[in-house]
Amino acid sequence: MPIALKECVHTVILEKKYDYQNRVFALCESCYWTATICLKIERFQCPICLGKDVALIPLNLDEKYEYKFEPKQGLQIEFSRLTDDSRN
């Protein structure tokens, strides 16, 4: 059963040496916890609900995402390419 969150919890997980080549967007399909993970990973357990249904979406170096969480509408995620303006 999904956990009802009033807001989206986002975490950034890094190793001491960042691995931007293996950057992923993680989304728990049970409680909607999200994370940016900058390390090589194949599976991940959600630290909020301990669920194992965490989707790992690879990100290219030139990709970004924006997300918005509304309790009634849920989680909205938009993926796009970085522009020269956003890299500065």
N, C-alpha and C. Protein backbone atom coordinates (compact mmCIF):
# COMPACT_ATOMS: atom_id res chain seq x y z
N MET A 1 0.84 -1.18 0.00
CA MET A 1 0.00 0.00 0.00
C MET A 1 0.89 1.24 0.00
N PRO A 2 0.65 2.19 -0.91
CA PRO A 2 1.47 3.41 -0.98
C PRO A 2 1.33 4.25 0.29
N ILE A 3 2.40 4.91 0.63
CA ILE A 3 2.39 5.84 1.76
C ILE A 3 1.92 7.19 1.24
N ALA A 4 1.00 7.82 1.94
CA ALA A 4 0.50 9.12 1.52
C ALA A 4 1.46 10.20 2.00
N LEU A 5 2.14 10.84 1.08
CA LEU A 5 3.06 11.92 1.43
C LEU A 5 2.39 13.26 1.18
N LYS A 6 2.66 14.21 2.04
CA LYS A 6 2.14 15.55 1.83
C LYS A 6 3.06 16.36 0.93
N GLU A 7 4.29 15.89 0.79
CA GLU A 7 5.23 16.56 -0.11
C GLU A 7 6.20 15.52 -0.66
N CYS A 8 6.85 15.87 -1.72
CA CYS A 8 7.81 14.97 -2.35
C CYS A 8 9.15 15.13 -1.64
N VAL A 9 9.78 14.02 -1.31
CA VAL A 9 11.08 14.05 -0.65
C VAL A 9 12.14 13.76 -1.71
N HIS A 10 13.10 14.68 -1.89
CA HIS A 10 14.15 14.50 -2.89
C HIS A 10 15.50 14.47 -2.19
N THR A 11 16.32 13.53 -2.58
CA THR A 11 17.63 13.32 -1.98
C THR A 11 18.68 13.31 -3.07
N VAL A 12 19.87 13.79 -2.77
CA VAL A 12 21.01 13.69 -3.68
C VAL A 12 22.01 12.74 -3.03
N ILE A 13 22.36 11.66 -3.75
CA ILE A 13 23.26 10.65 -3.22
C ILE A 13 24.55 10.69 -4.04
N LEU A 14 25.66 10.98 -3.37
CA LEU A 14 26.95 11.12 -4.03
C LEU A 14 27.99 10.26 -3.32
N GLU A 15 28.98 9.83 -4.07
CA GLU A 15 30.16 9.25 -3.46
C GLU A 15 31.16 10.38 -3.29
N LYS A 16 32.29 10.11 -2.63
CA LYS A 16 33.30 11.16 -2.47
C LYS A 16 33.76 11.68 -3.82
N LYS A 17 33.90 10.81 -4.78
CA LYS A 17 34.25 11.21 -6.14
C LYS A 17 32.98 11.06 -6.99
N TYR A 18 32.43 12.18 -7.42
CA TYR A 18 31.18 12.14 -8.18
C TYR A 18 31.36 11.39 -9.48
N ASP A 19 30.37 10.59 -9.84
CA ASP A 19 30.41 9.82 -11.07
C ASP A 19 29.28 10.31 -11.98
N TYR A 20 29.52 11.45 -12.63
CA TYR A 20 28.48 12.04 -13.46
C TYR A 20 28.15 11.19 -14.68
N GLN A 21 29.04 10.31 -15.07
CA GLN A 21 28.76 9.42 -16.21
C GLN A 21 27.63 8.45 -15.89
N ASN A 22 27.41 8.15 -14.61
CA ASN A 22 26.41 7.19 -14.20
C ASN A 22 25.29 7.84 -13.38
N ARG A 23 24.97 9.08 -13.70
CA ARG A 23 23.94 9.82 -12.98
C ARG A 23 22.56 9.27 -13.33
N VAL A 24 21.72 9.02 -12.30
CA VAL A 24 20.36 8.52 -12.54
C VAL A 24 19.37 9.30 -11.69
N PHE A 25 18.15 9.36 -12.19
CA PHE A 25 17.02 9.89 -11.43
C PHE A 25 16.30 8.67 -10.87
N ALA A 26 16.14 8.61 -9.55
CA ALA A 26 15.48 7.48 -8.90
C ALA A 26 14.10 7.91 -8.43
N LEU A 27 13.12 7.04 -8.62
CA LEU A 27 11.74 7.32 -8.21
C LEU A 27 11.16 6.07 -7.57
N CYS A 28 10.76 6.17 -6.31
CA CYS A 28 10.09 5.06 -5.65
C CYS A 28 8.65 5.02 -6.14
N GLU A 29 8.24 3.90 -6.68
CA GLU A 29 6.90 3.78 -7.23
C GLU A 29 5.84 3.56 -6.15
N SER A 30 6.27 3.39 -4.90
CA SER A 30 5.32 3.21 -3.81
C SER A 30 5.00 4.51 -3.08
N CYS A 31 6.05 5.28 -2.71
CA CYS A 31 5.81 6.49 -1.91
C CYS A 31 6.21 7.78 -2.64
N TYR A 32 6.76 7.68 -3.85
CA TYR A 32 7.15 8.82 -4.69
C TYR A 32 8.35 9.59 -4.17
N TRP A 33 9.17 8.96 -3.32
CA TRP A 33 10.46 9.53 -2.95
C TRP A 33 11.29 9.61 -4.22
N THR A 34 12.07 10.68 -4.37
CA THR A 34 12.93 10.83 -5.54
C THR A 34 14.36 11.14 -5.10
N ALA A 35 15.29 10.84 -6.00
CA ALA A 35 16.69 11.13 -5.71
C ALA A 35 17.45 11.31 -7.01
N THR A 36 18.53 12.06 -6.93
CA THR A 36 19.55 12.09 -7.96
C THR A 36 20.70 11.27 -7.41
N ILE A 37 21.09 10.22 -8.10
CA ILE A 37 22.14 9.35 -7.64
C ILE A 37 23.33 9.46 -8.59
N CYS A 38 24.47 9.84 -8.06
CA CYS A 38 25.67 10.03 -8.88
C CYS A 38 26.69 8.94 -8.57
N LEU A 39 26.31 7.72 -8.78
CA LEU A 39 27.21 6.59 -8.65
C LEU A 39 26.62 5.44 -9.44
N LYS A 40 27.47 4.50 -9.81
CA LYS A 40 27.01 3.36 -10.59
C LYS A 40 26.16 2.47 -9.70
N ILE A 41 24.92 2.22 -10.14
CA ILE A 41 23.98 1.47 -9.32
C ILE A 41 23.02 0.71 -10.23
N GLU A 42 22.65 -0.49 -9.83
CA GLU A 42 21.71 -1.28 -10.61
C GLU A 42 20.37 -1.44 -9.90
N ARG A 43 20.39 -1.47 -8.57
CA ARG A 43 19.17 -1.59 -7.78
C ARG A 43 19.29 -0.68 -6.57
N PHE A 44 18.14 -0.30 -6.07
CA PHE A 44 18.15 0.59 -4.92
C PHE A 44 16.89 0.37 -4.10
N GLN A 45 17.02 0.39 -2.78
CA GLN A 45 15.88 0.26 -1.89
C GLN A 45 15.52 1.64 -1.35
N CYS A 46 14.25 1.96 -1.36
CA CYS A 46 13.79 3.27 -0.90
C CYS A 46 14.08 3.43 0.59
N PRO A 47 14.75 4.53 0.97
CA PRO A 47 15.04 4.75 2.39
C PRO A 47 13.82 5.23 3.19
N ILE A 48 12.76 5.63 2.51
CA ILE A 48 11.56 6.13 3.19
C ILE A 48 10.60 5.00 3.54
N CYS A 49 10.21 4.20 2.54
CA CYS A 49 9.23 3.13 2.77
C CYS A 49 9.85 1.73 2.70
N LEU A 50 11.16 1.68 2.41
CA LEU A 50 11.91 0.42 2.28
C LEU A 50 11.42 -0.45 1.12
N GLY A 51 10.70 0.17 0.19
CA GLY A 51 10.22 -0.53 -0.99
C GLY A 51 11.35 -0.83 -1.97
N LYS A 52 11.15 -1.87 -2.74
CA LYS A 52 12.16 -2.26 -3.73
C LYS A 52 11.77 -1.87 -5.14
N ASP A 53 10.61 -1.22 -5.30
CA ASP A 53 10.16 -0.79 -6.62
C ASP A 53 10.63 0.62 -6.90
N VAL A 54 11.95 0.78 -7.02
CA VAL A 54 12.55 2.09 -7.31
C VAL A 54 12.99 2.09 -8.77
N ALA A 55 12.36 2.96 -9.56
CA ALA A 55 12.73 3.10 -10.97
C ALA A 55 13.99 3.93 -11.06
N LEU A 56 14.97 3.46 -11.84
CA LEU A 56 16.22 4.17 -12.05
C LEU A 56 16.26 4.64 -13.50
N ILE A 57 16.21 5.93 -13.71
CA ILE A 57 16.16 6.51 -15.05
C ILE A 57 17.50 7.17 -15.34
N PRO A 58 18.29 6.60 -16.27
CA PRO A 58 19.60 7.17 -16.59
C PRO A 58 19.47 8.58 -17.16
N LEU A 59 20.41 9.43 -16.79
CA LEU A 59 20.45 10.80 -17.30
C LEU A 59 21.75 11.02 -18.06
N ASN A 60 21.66 11.60 -19.24
CA ASN A 60 22.86 11.98 -19.98
C ASN A 60 23.45 13.23 -19.33
N LEU A 61 24.69 13.52 -19.67
CA LEU A 61 25.34 14.70 -19.11
C LEU A 61 24.65 15.99 -19.50
N ASP A 62 23.95 15.99 -20.63
CA ASP A 62 23.29 17.21 -21.10
C ASP A 62 21.79 17.21 -20.78
N GLU A 63 21.35 16.38 -19.84
CA GLU A 63 19.94 16.34 -19.48
C GLU A 63 19.71 16.90 -18.08
N LYS A 64 18.54 17.48 -17.90
CA LYS A 64 18.11 17.97 -16.60
C LYS A 64 16.66 17.57 -16.41
N TYR A 65 16.20 17.72 -15.19
CA TYR A 65 14.79 17.45 -14.91
C TYR A 65 14.29 18.44 -13.89
N GLU A 66 13.00 18.67 -13.95
CA GLU A 66 12.32 19.50 -12.96
C GLU A 66 11.12 18.70 -12.50
N TYR A 67 10.81 18.80 -11.23
CA TYR A 67 9.65 18.06 -10.73
C TYR A 67 8.81 18.96 -9.83
N LYS A 68 7.54 18.60 -9.76
CA LYS A 68 6.60 19.33 -8.92
C LYS A 68 5.67 18.29 -8.30
N PHE A 69 5.40 18.42 -7.03
CA PHE A 69 4.51 17.49 -6.35
C PHE A 69 3.34 18.24 -5.77
N GLU A 70 2.15 17.85 -6.15
CA GLU A 70 0.91 18.40 -5.62
C GLU A 70 0.14 17.24 -5.00
N PRO A 71 -0.29 17.35 -3.74
CA PRO A 71 -0.98 16.22 -3.10
C PRO A 71 -2.17 15.68 -3.89
N LYS A 72 -2.94 16.55 -4.52
CA LYS A 72 -4.12 16.08 -5.27
C LYS A 72 -3.76 15.58 -6.67
N GLN A 73 -2.75 16.19 -7.30
CA GLN A 73 -2.40 15.84 -8.68
C GLN A 73 -1.26 14.85 -8.77
N GLY A 74 -0.48 14.71 -7.71
CA GLY A 74 0.63 13.77 -7.72
C GLY A 74 1.92 14.41 -8.20
N LEU A 75 2.83 13.56 -8.65
CA LEU A 75 4.17 13.99 -9.05
C LEU A 75 4.22 14.24 -10.55
N GLN A 76 4.73 15.40 -10.93
CA GLN A 76 4.92 15.75 -12.34
C GLN A 76 6.42 15.93 -12.57
N ILE A 77 6.95 15.24 -13.58
CA ILE A 77 8.38 15.31 -13.88
C ILE A 77 8.54 15.71 -15.34
N GLU A 78 9.44 16.68 -15.57
CA GLU A 78 9.73 17.12 -16.95
C GLU A 78 11.23 16.97 -17.19
N PHE A 79 11.58 16.18 -18.20
CA PHE A 79 12.98 16.00 -18.59
C PHE A 79 13.25 16.86 -19.81
N SER A 80 14.43 17.48 -19.86
CA SER A 80 14.80 18.30 -21.01
C SER A 80 16.32 18.35 -21.13
N ARG A 81 16.78 18.93 -22.22
CA ARG A 81 18.22 19.10 -22.47
C ARG A 81 18.68 20.41 -21.85
N LEU A 82 19.91 20.40 -21.37
CA LEU A 82 20.50 21.64 -20.87
C LEU A 82 20.77 22.55 -22.06
N THR A 83 20.57 23.82 -21.85
CA THR A 83 20.91 24.81 -22.88
C THR A 83 22.22 25.47 -22.46
N ASP A 84 22.85 26.18 -23.36
CA ASP A 84 24.08 26.89 -23.04
C ASP A 84 23.86 27.87 -21.89
N ASP A 85 22.67 28.50 -21.83
CA ASP A 85 22.36 29.45 -20.77
C ASP A 85 22.30 28.78 -19.40
N SER A 86 21.77 27.55 -19.32
CA SER A 86 21.60 26.88 -18.04
C SER A 86 22.87 26.24 -17.53
N ARG A 87 23.90 26.16 -18.35
CA ARG A 87 25.17 25.56 -17.93
C ARG A 87 26.04 26.55 -17.19
N ASN A 88 25.76 27.82 -17.30
CA ASN A 88 26.60 28.85 -16.66
C ASN A 88 26.14 29.12 -15.26
